[in-house]
PDB file of N, CA and C in Angstrom:
ATOM      1  N   MET A   1    -163.523 117.019 164.100  1.00  0.00           N
ATOM      2  CA  MET A   1    -162.687 116.238 165.460  1.00  0.00           C
ATOM      3  C   MET A   1    -161.279 116.589 165.085  1.00  0.00           C
ATOM      4  N   ALA A   2    -160.847 116.780 166.073  1.00  0.00           N
ATOM      5  CA  ALA A   2    -158.991 117.217 165.727  1.00  0.00           C
ATOM      6  C   ALA A   2    -158.544 116.115 165.633  1.00  0.00           C
ATOM      7  N   GLU A   3    -157.037 116.473 165.104  1.00  0.00           N
ATOM      8  CA  GLU A   3    -156.619 114.979 164.411  1.00  0.00           C
ATOM      9  C   GLU A   3    -155.917 114.178 165.346  1.00  0.00           C
ATOM     10  N   ASN A   4    -155.744 114.680 166.812  1.00  0.00           N
ATOM     11  CA  ASN A   4    -155.263 113.090 167.704  1.00  0.00           C
ATOM     12  C   ASN A   4    -156.526 113.023 168.777  1.00  0.00           C
ATOM     13  N   ALA A   5    -157.370 113.559 168.575  1.00  0.00           N
ATOM     14  CA  ALA A   5    -158.270 113.434 169.501  1.00  0.00           C
ATOM     15  C   ALA A   5    -158.981 112.111 169.567  1.00  0.00           C
ATOM     16  N   ASP A   6    -159.245 111.384 170.790  1.00  0.00           N
ATOM     17  CA  ASP A   6    -159.557 110.071 170.955  1.00  0.00           C
ATOM     18  C   ASP A   6    -161.244 109.478 170.252  1.00  0.00           C
ATOM     19  N   ALA A   7    -161.776 108.768 169.295  1.00  0.00           N
ATOM     20  CA  ALA A   7    -162.558 108.447 168.553  1.00  0.00           C
ATOM     21  C   ALA A   7    -163.435 107.826 169.977  1.00  0.00           C
ATOM     22  N   MET A   8    -164.805 108.115 169.818  1.00  0.00           N
ATOM     23  CA  MET A   8    -165.508 107.421 171.143  1.00  0.00           C
ATOM     24  C   MET A   8    -166.234 106.839 170.519  1.00  0.00           C
ATOM     25  N   VAL A   9    -166.729 104.862 170.644  1.00  0.00           N
ATOM     26  CA  VAL A   9    -167.365 103.981 170.333  1.00  0.00           C
ATOM     27  C   VAL A   9    -168.139 104.122 171.395  1.00  0.00           C
ATOM     28  N   LEU A  10    -169.858 104.340 170.826  1.00  0.00           N
ATOM     29  CA  LEU A  10    -170.907 104.165 171.925  1.00  0.00           C
ATOM     30  C   LEU A  10    -171.566 102.594 171.953  1.00  0.00           C
ATOM     31  N   ARG A  11    -171.585 101.930 172.736  1.00  0.00           N
ATOM     32  CA  ARG A  11    -171.711 100.559 172.978  1.00  0.00           C
ATOM     33  C   ARG A  11    -172.689 100.263 174.386  1.00  0.00           C
ATOM     34  N   SER A  12    -173.401  99.520 174.151  1.00  0.00           N
ATOM     35  CA  SER A  12    -174.257  99.139 175.319  1.00  0.00           C
ATOM     36  C   SER A  12    -174.166  97.922 175.924  1.00  0.00           C
ATOM     37  N   PHE A  13    -174.034  97.421 177.176  1.00  0.00           N
ATOM     38  CA  PHE A  13    -173.805  95.942 177.341  1.00  0.00           C
ATOM     39  C   PHE A  13    -174.733  95.822 178.632  1.00  0.00           C
ATOM     40  N   HIS A  14    -174.847  94.677 179.102  1.00  0.00           N
ATOM     41  CA  HIS A  14    -175.712  94.196 180.182  1.00  0.00           C
ATOM     42  C   HIS A  14    -174.509  94.273 181.258  1.00  0.00           C
ATOM     43  N   LEU A  15    -174.956  94.519 183.002  1.00  0.00           N
ATOM     44  CA  LEU A  15    -174.312  94.381 183.434  1.00  0.00           C
ATOM     45  C   LEU A  15    -175.585  93.798 184.875  1.00  0.00           C
ATOM     46  N   PRO A  16    -175.126  92.973 185.927  1.00  0.00           N
ATOM     47  CA  PRO A  16    -176.184  92.431 186.812  1.00  0.00           C
ATOM     48  C   PRO A  16    -176.317  93.985 187.777  1.00  0.00           C
ATOM     49  N   GLN A  17    -177.511  94.106 187.895  1.00  0.00           N
ATOM     50  CA  GLN A  17    -177.808  94.916 188.930  1.00  0.00           C
ATOM     51  C   GLN A  17    -176.947  95.264 189.887  1.00  0.00           C
ATOM     52  N   SER A  18    -176.529  94.670 190.738  1.00  0.00           N
ATOM     53  CA  SER A  18    -175.265  94.554 191.402  1.00  0.00           C
ATOM     54  C   SER A  18    -174.188  95.028 191.503  1.00  0.00           C
ATOM     55  N   LYS A  19    -173.699  94.845 190.225  1.00  0.00           N
ATOM     56  CA  LYS A  19    -172.535  95.272 189.805  1.00  0.00           C
ATOM     57  C   LYS A  19    -172.548  96.912 189.251  1.00  0.00           C
ATOM     58  N   ASP A  20    -173.750  97.188 188.684  1.00  0.00           N
ATOM     59  CA  ASP A  20    -174.073  98.265 188.329  1.00  0.00           C
ATOM     60  C   ASP A  20    -174.162  99.798 189.362  1.00  0.00           C
ATOM     61  N   ASP A  21    -174.641  98.944 190.449  1.00  0.00           N
ATOM     62  CA  ASP A  21    -174.970  99.906 191.991  1.00  0.00           C
ATOM     63  C   ASP A  21    -173.538  99.650 192.488  1.00  0.00           C
ATOM     64  N   GLU A  22    -172.697  98.831 192.613  1.00  0.00           N
ATOM     65  CA  GLU A  22    -171.245  98.776 192.650  1.00  0.00           C
ATOM     66  C   GLU A  22    -170.897  99.897 192.167  1.00  0.00           C
ATOM     67  N   LEU A  23    -170.652 100.019 190.563  1.00  0.00           N
ATOM     68  CA  LEU A  23    -169.715 100.668 190.086  1.00  0.00           C
ATOM     69  C   LEU A  23    -170.553 102.085 190.320  1.00  0.00           C
ATOM     70  N   ARG A  24    -172.135 102.431 190.119  1.00  0.00           N
ATOM     71  CA  ARG A  24    -171.847 103.780 190.492  1.00  0.00           C
ATOM     72  C   ARG A  24    -171.883 104.437 191.804  1.00  0.00           C
ATOM     73  N   GLY A  25    -171.877 103.554 192.746  1.00  0.00           N
ATOM     74  CA  GLY A  25    -171.122 103.825 194.309  1.00  0.00           C
ATOM     75  C   GLY A  25    -169.720 103.965 194.240  1.00  0.00           C
ATOM     76  N   LEU A  26    -168.737 103.511 193.694  1.00  0.00           N
ATOM     77  CA  LEU A  26    -167.654 103.796 193.276  1.00  0.00           C
ATOM     78  C   LEU A  26    -167.174 105.386 193.181  1.00  0.00           C
ATOM     79  N   ALA A  27    -167.972 105.369 191.378  1.00  0.00           N
ATOM     80  CA  ALA A  27    -168.306 106.333 190.729  1.00  0.00           C
ATOM     81  C   ALA A  27    -168.270 107.584 191.943  1.00  0.00           C
ATOM     82  N   PHE A  28    -169.582 107.241 192.574  1.00  0.00           N
ATOM     83  CA  PHE A  28    -169.567 108.562 193.471  1.00  0.00           C
ATOM     84  C   PHE A  28    -168.619 108.986 194.488  1.00  0.00           C
ATOM     85  N   ALA A  29    -168.001 107.808 194.920  1.00  0.00           N
ATOM     86  CA  ALA A  29    -166.804 107.902 196.180  1.00  0.00           C
ATOM     87  C   ALA A  29    -165.589 108.675 195.264  1.00  0.00           C
ATOM     88  N   LEU A  30    -165.387 108.430 194.218  1.00  0.00           N
ATOM     89  CA  LEU A  30    -164.169 108.805 193.470  1.00  0.00           C
ATOM     90  C   LEU A  30    -164.619 110.283 192.937  1.00  0.00           C
ATOM     91  N   HIS A  31    -165.380 110.401 193.313  1.00  0.00           N
ATOM     92  CA  HIS A  31    -165.923 111.679 192.260  1.00  0.00           C
ATOM     93  C   HIS A  31    -165.617 112.004 190.585  1.00  0.00           C
ATOM     94  N   CYS A  32    -166.254 110.814 189.794  1.00  0.00           N
ATOM     95  CA  CYS A  32    -166.022 110.564 188.761  1.00  0.00           C
ATOM     96  C   CYS A  32    -167.228 109.710 187.862  1.00  0.00           C
ATOM     97  N   SER A  33    -167.321 109.844 186.542  1.00  0.00           N
ATOM     98  CA  SER A  33    -168.137 109.095 186.644  1.00  0.00           C
ATOM     99  C   SER A  33    -168.277 107.563 185.754  1.00  0.00           C
ATOM    100  N   LYS A  34    -169.403 106.670 185.804  1.00  0.00           N
ATOM    101  CA  LYS A  34    -169.508 105.322 185.762  1.00  0.00           C
ATOM    102  C   LYS A  34    -168.431 104.945 184.375  1.00  0.00           C
ATOM    103  N   ALA A  35    -168.693 105.477 183.281  1.00  0.00           N
ATOM    104  CA  ALA A  35    -168.056 105.434 181.895  1.00  0.00           C
ATOM    105  C   ALA A  35    -166.263 105.791 182.257  1.00  0.00           C
ATOM    106  N   ASP A  36    -165.697 106.818 183.159  1.00  0.00           N
ATOM    107  CA  ASP A  36    -164.417 106.719 183.577  1.00  0.00           C
ATOM    108  C   ASP A  36    -163.840 105.392 183.940  1.00  0.00           C
ATOM    109  N   LEU A  37    -165.047 105.333 184.833  1.00  0.00           N
ATOM    110  CA  LEU A  37    -164.441 103.858 185.707  1.00  0.00           C
ATOM    111  C   LEU A  37    -164.133 102.723 184.888  1.00  0.00           C
ATOM    112  N   LEU A  38    -165.377 102.445 183.942  1.00  0.00           N
ATOM    113  CA  LEU A  38    -165.158 101.091 183.108  1.00  0.00           C
ATOM    114  C   LEU A  38    -163.944 101.557 181.747  1.00  0.00           C
ATOM    115  N   ARG A  39    -164.087 102.625 181.725  1.00  0.00           N
ATOM    116  CA  ARG A  39    -162.757 103.050 181.040  1.00  0.00           C
ATOM    117  C   ARG A  39    -161.493 102.908 181.172  1.00  0.00           C
ATOM    118  N   PHE A  40    -160.769 102.650 182.754  1.00  0.00           N
ATOM    119  CA  PHE A  40    -160.096 102.639 183.360  1.00  0.00           C
ATOM    120  C   PHE A  40    -159.838 100.857 183.222  1.00  0.00           C
ATOM    121  N   PHE A  41    -161.293 100.269 183.997  1.00  0.00           N
ATOM    122  CA  PHE A  41    -161.007  98.895 184.466  1.00  0.00           C
ATOM    123  C   PHE A  41    -160.816  97.907 183.165  1.00  0.00           C
ATOM    124  N   ILE A  42    -161.230  98.540 181.733  1.00  0.00           N
ATOM    125  CA  ILE A  42    -160.728  98.100 180.259  1.00  0.00           C
ATOM    126  C   ILE A  42    -159.851  98.104 180.420  1.00  0.00           C
ATOM    127  N   ASP A  43    -159.461  99.177 180.609  1.00  0.00           N
ATOM    128  CA  ASP A  43    -157.543  99.384 179.985  1.00  0.00           C
ATOM    129  C   ASP A  43    -156.721  98.560 181.262  1.00  0.00           C
ATOM    130  N   GLN A  44    -156.821  98.457 182.797  1.00  0.00           N
ATOM    131  CA  GLN A  44    -156.399  97.862 183.518  1.00  0.00           C
ATOM    132  C   GLN A  44    -156.272  96.451 182.899  1.00  0.00           C
ATOM    133  N   GLY A  45    -157.576  95.983 182.595  1.00  0.00           N
ATOM    134  CA  GLY A  45    -157.764  94.539 182.096  1.00  0.00           C
ATOM    135  C   GLY A  45    -156.879  94.104 180.901  1.00  0.00           C
ATOM    136  N   MET A  46    -156.862  95.015 179.756  1.00  0.00           N
ATOM    137  CA  MET A  46    -156.166  94.695 179.022  1.00  0.00           C
ATOM    138  C   MET A  46    -155.101  94.683 179.196  1.00  0.00           C
ATOM    139  N   LYS A  47    -154.218  95.387 179.919  1.00  0.00           N
ATOM    140  CA  LYS A  47    -152.919  95.650 180.565  1.00  0.00           C
ATOM    141  C   LYS A  47    -152.309  94.625 181.235  1.00  0.00           C
ATOM    142  N   ASN A  48    -152.811  93.616 181.946  1.00  0.00           N
ATOM    143  CA  ASN A  48    -153.128  92.633 182.818  1.00  0.00           C
ATOM    144  C   ASN A  48    -153.019  91.548 181.768  1.00  0.00           C
ATOM    145  N   LEU A  49    -153.910  91.161 180.965  1.00  0.00           N
ATOM    146  CA  LEU A  49    -154.125  89.872 179.790  1.00  0.00           C
ATOM    147  C   LEU A  49    -152.792  90.174 179.058  1.00  0.00           C
ATOM    148  N   ALA A  50    -152.134  91.414 178.666  1.00  0.00           N
ATOM    149  CA  ALA A  50    -150.709  91.923 177.943  1.00  0.00           C
ATOM    150  C   ALA A  50    -149.666  90.761 178.911  1.00  0.00           C
ATOM    151  N   ILE A  51    -149.546  91.704 180.022  1.00  0.00           N
ATOM    152  CA  ILE A  51    -148.617  91.068 180.917  1.00  0.00           C
ATOM    153  C   ILE A  51    -148.613  89.760 180.870  1.00  0.00           C
ATOM    154  N   CYS A  52    -149.756  88.866 181.124  1.00  0.00           N
ATOM    155  CA  CYS A  52    -149.884  87.609 181.566  1.00  0.00           C
ATOM    156  C   CYS A  52    -149.394  86.736 180.004  1.00  0.00           C
ATOM    157  N   HIS A  53    -150.156  87.144 178.996  1.00  0.00           N
ATOM    158  CA  HIS A  53    -150.008  86.604 177.857  1.00  0.00           C
ATOM    159  C   HIS A  53    -149.647  87.041 176.168  1.00  0.00           C
ATOM    160  N   GLY A  54    -148.561  87.972 176.355  1.00  0.00           N
ATOM    161  CA  GLY A  54    -148.293  88.992 175.747  1.00  0.00           C
ATOM    162  C   GLY A  54    -149.608  90.333 174.979  1.00  0.00           C
ATOM    163  N   SER A  55    -148.617  91.349 174.713  1.00  0.00           N
ATOM    164  CA  SER A  55    -149.628  92.465 174.082  1.00  0.00           C
ATOM    165  C   SER A  55    -150.371  92.329 173.142  1.00  0.00           C
ATOM    166  N   ASP A  56    -149.943  90.978 172.396  1.00  0.00           N
ATOM    167  CA  ASP A  56    -150.803  91.112 170.812  1.00  0.00           C
ATOM    168  C   ASP A  56    -151.661  89.792 171.341  1.00  0.00           C
ATOM    169  N   TRP A  57    -152.905  90.374 170.982  1.00  0.00           N
ATOM    170  CA  TRP A  57    -154.042  88.790 171.693  1.00  0.00           C
ATOM    171  C   TRP A  57    -153.876  88.395 170.148  1.00  0.00           C
ATOM    172  N   ARG A  58    -153.477  88.917 168.677  1.00  0.00           N
ATOM    173  CA  ARG A  58    -153.450  87.608 167.505  1.00  0.00           C
ATOM    174  C   ARG A  58    -152.540  86.822 167.376  1.00  0.00           C
ATOM    175  N   SER A  59    -151.128  86.332 168.279  1.00  0.00           N
ATOM    176  CA  SER A  59    -150.380  86.118 168.425  1.00  0.00           C
ATOM    177  C   SER A  59    -150.653  85.074 169.372  1.00  0.00           C
ATOM    178  N   TRP A  60    -151.729  84.819 170.464  1.00  0.00           N
ATOM    179  CA  TRP A  60    -152.003  83.791 171.523  1.00  0.00           C
ATOM    180  C   TRP A  60    -152.292  82.635 170.532  1.00  0.00           C
ATOM    181  N   THR A  61    -151.687  81.530 171.420  1.00  0.00           N
ATOM    182  CA  THR A  61    -151.920  80.623 171.148  1.00  0.00           C
ATOM    183  C   THR A  61    -153.419  79.757 171.216  1.00  0.00           C
ATOM    184  N   PRO A  62    -153.801  79.070 170.469  1.00  0.00           N
ATOM    185  CA  PRO A  62    -155.123  78.659 170.563  1.00  0.00           C
ATOM    186  C   PRO A  62    -155.549  78.365 171.891  1.00  0.00           C
ATOM    187  N   GLU A  63    -154.455  77.462 172.645  1.00  0.00           N
ATOM    188  CA  GLU A  63    -154.511  77.348 174.187  1.00  0.00           C
ATOM    189  C   GLU A  63    -154.777  78.459 175.134  1.00  0.00           C
ATOM    190  N   VAL A  64    -153.622  79.661 175.084  1.00  0.00           N
ATOM    191  CA  VAL A  64    -153.837  80.782 175.619  1.00  0.00           C
ATOM    192  C   VAL A  64    -155.426  81.321 175.147  1.00  0.00           C
ATOM    193  N   LEU A  65    -155.905  81.129 173.865  1.00  0.00           N
ATOM    194  CA  LEU A  65    -157.103  81.773 174.208  1.00  0.00           C
ATOM    195  C   LEU A  65    -157.828  81.142 174.660  1.00  0.00           C
ATOM    196  N   ALA A  66    -158.071  79.887 174.326  1.00  0.00           N
ATOM    197  CA  ALA A  66    -159.003  78.844 175.269  1.00  0.00           C
ATOM    198  C   ALA A  66    -159.228  79.098 176.825  1.00  0.00           C
ATOM    199  N   VAL A  67    -157.823  79.279 177.478  1.00  0.00           N
ATOM    200  CA  VAL A  67    -157.795  79.631 178.940  1.00  0.00           C
ATOM    201  C   VAL A  67    -158.312  81.061 179.117  1.00  0.00           C
ATOM    202  N   VAL A  68    -158.008  82.009 178.073  1.00  0.00           N
ATOM    203  CA  VAL A  68    -158.321  83.337 178.549  1.00  0.00           C
ATOM    204  C   VAL A  68    -160.314  83.503 178.132  1.00  0.00           C
ATOM    205  N   ALA A  69    -160.783  82.711 177.583  1.00  0.00           N
ATOM    206  CA  ALA A  69    -162.138  82.348 177.350  1.00  0.00           C
ATOM    207  C   ALA A  69    -162.933  81.690 178.381  1.00  0.00           C
ATOM    208  N   LYS A  70    -162.204  80.564 178.936  1.00  0.00           N
ATOM    209  CA  LYS A  70    -162.584  79.722 180.031  1.00  0.00           C
ATOM    210  C   LYS A  70    -162.493  80.766 181.268  1.00  0.00           C
ATOM    211  N   GLU A  71    -161.493  82.188 181.585  1.00  0.00           N
ATOM    212  CA  GLU A  71    -161.328  82.658 182.473  1.00  0.00           C
ATOM    213  C   GLU A  71    -162.304  83.937 182.383  1.00  0.00           C
ATOM    214  N   VAL A  72    -163.294  84.029 181.413  1.00  0.00           N
ATOM    215  CA  VAL A  72    -163.896  85.086 181.045  1.00  0.00           C
ATOM    216  C   VAL A  72    -165.804  84.706 181.055  1.00  0.00           C
ATOM    217  N   GLN A  73    -165.525  83.668 181.026  1.00  0.00           N
ATOM    218  CA  GLN A  73    -166.999  83.043 181.058  1.00  0.00           C
ATOM    219  C   GLN A  73    -167.152  82.438 183.046  1.00  0.00           C
ATOM    220  N   ALA A  74    -166.160  81.892 183.129  1.00  0.00           N
ATOM    221  CA  ALA A  74    -166.495  81.888 184.764  1.00  0.00           C
ATOM    222  C   ALA A  74    -166.157  83.143 185.650  1.00  0.00           C
ATOM    223  N   GLY A  75    -165.781  83.959 184.918  1.00  0.00           N
ATOM    224  CA  GLY A  75    -166.328  85.553 185.515  1.00  0.00           C
ATOM    225  C   GLY A  75    -167.924  86.362 185.589  1.00  0.00           C
ATOM    226  N   GLY A  76    -168.543  85.357 184.714  1.00  0.00           N
ATOM    227  CA  GLY A  76    -170.014  85.765 184.963  1.00  0.00           C
ATOM    228  C   GLY A  76    -170.096  86.470 183.367  1.00  0.00           C
ATOM    229  N   ALA A  77    -169.447  86.511 183.156  1.00  0.00           N
ATOM    230  CA  ALA A  77    -169.431  87.415 181.576  1.00  0.00           C
ATOM    231  C   ALA A  77    -170.856  87.080 180.926  1.00  0.00           C
ATOM    232  N   SER A  78    -170.930  85.614 180.357  1.00  0.00           N
ATOM    233  CA  SER A  78    -171.679  84.724 179.550  1.00  0.00           C
ATOM    234  C   SER A  78    -173.272  85.143 180.467  1.00  0.00           C
ATOM    235  N   GLU A  79    -173.091  84.625 181.185  1.00  0.00           N
ATOM    236  CA  GLU A  79    -174.483  84.999 182.151  1.00  0.00           C
ATOM    237  C   GLU A  79    -175.449  86.586 181.954  1.00  0.00           C
ATOM    238  N   SER A  80    -174.174  87.767 182.324  1.00  0.00           N
ATOM    239  CA  SER A  80    -174.940  88.637 182.044  1.00  0.00           C
ATOM    240  C   SER A  80    -175.489  88.885 180.553  1.00  0.00           C
ATOM    241  N   VAL A  81    -174.637  88.029 179.593  1.00  0.00           N
ATOM    242  CA  VAL A  81    -175.071  88.693 178.701  1.00  0.00           C
ATOM    243  C   VAL A  81    -176.632  87.984 177.966  1.00  0.00           C
ATOM    244  N   GLU A  82    -176.678  86.723 178.600  1.00  0.00           N
ATOM    245  CA  GLU A  82    -178.032  85.807 178.777  1.00  0.00           C
ATOM    246  C   GLU A  82    -179.345  86.508 179.173  1.00  0.00           C
ATOM    247  N   GLN A  83    -178.578  87.292 180.608  1.00  0.00           N
ATOM    248  CA  GLN A  83    -179.817  87.713 181.224  1.00  0.00           C
ATOM    249  C   GLN A  83    -180.296  89.291 180.859  1.00  0.00           C
ATOM    250  N   GLY A  84    -179.108  90.143 179.951  1.00  0.00           N
ATOM    251  CA  GLY A  84    -179.515  91.184 179.209  1.00  0.00           C
ATOM    252  C   GLY A  84    -180.323  90.668 177.634  1.00  0.00           C
ATOM    253  N   LEU A  85    -179.923  89.600 177.203  1.00  0.00           N
ATOM    254  CA  LEU A  85    -180.730  89.197 176.062  1.00  0.00           C
ATOM    255  C   LEU A  85    -182.091  88.994 176.428  1.00  0.00           C
ATOM    256  N   THR A  86    -181.983  88.237 177.473  1.00  0.00           N
ATOM    257  CA  THR A  86    -183.563  87.939 177.685  1.00  0.00           C
ATOM    258  C   THR A  86    -183.989  89.203 177.986  1.00  0.00           C
ATOM    259  N   ARG A  87    -183.940  90.182 178.814  1.00  0.00           N
ATOM    260  CA  ARG A  87    -184.882  91.245 179.033  1.00  0.00           C
ATOM    261  C   ARG A  87    -185.008  92.052 178.418  1.00  0.00           C
ATOM    262  N   ASP A  88    -183.862  92.102 177.212  1.00  0.00           N
ATOM    263  CA  ASP A  88    -184.416  92.765 175.515  1.00  0.00           C
ATOM    264  C   ASP A  88    -185.385  92.187 174.946  1.00  0.00           C
ATOM    265  N   TYR A  89    -185.808  90.190 174.944  1.00  0.00           N
ATOM    266  CA  TYR A  89    -186.617  89.678 173.985  1.00  0.00           C
ATOM    267  C   TYR A  89    -187.651  90.009 174.937  1.00  0.00           C
ATOM    268  N   ALA A  90    -188.075  90.066 176.283  1.00  0.00           N
ATOM    269  CA  ALA A  90    -189.206  90.462 176.938  1.00  0.00           C
ATOM    270  C   ALA A  90    -189.830  92.076 176.380  1.00  0.00           C
ATOM    271  N   ARG A  91    -188.529  92.424 176.053  1.00  0.00           N
ATOM    272  CA  ARG A  91    -189.216  93.789 175.795  1.00  0.00           C
ATOM    273  C   ARG A  91    -189.554  94.536 174.342  1.00  0.00           C
ATOM    274  N   ILE A  92    -189.484  93.735 173.858  1.00  0.00           N
ATOM    275  CA  ILE A  92    -190.033  93.344 172.343  1.00  0.00           C
ATOM    276  C   ILE A  92    -191.147  92.826 172.073  1.00  0.00           C
TER     277      ILE A  92
END
């Protein structure tokens, strides 16, 4: 691997089918991959958090961490994880 090449970490995560369909459609319209979109959205989300709360999350106060955690849960993240785990358990 080249010295300054980006390393890739492979992970899987669960999305509601409707969100996956939206990503697939947008990727098709933009002539890019879903992976490119996900990297873009993650990057933009991290930048937005840095603008709102500071670039180093380790320095956020417990109150700020609680606010961000509440925003994540309100966005349906925990529900998607729960649905994904249910599907995984059903396959086992």
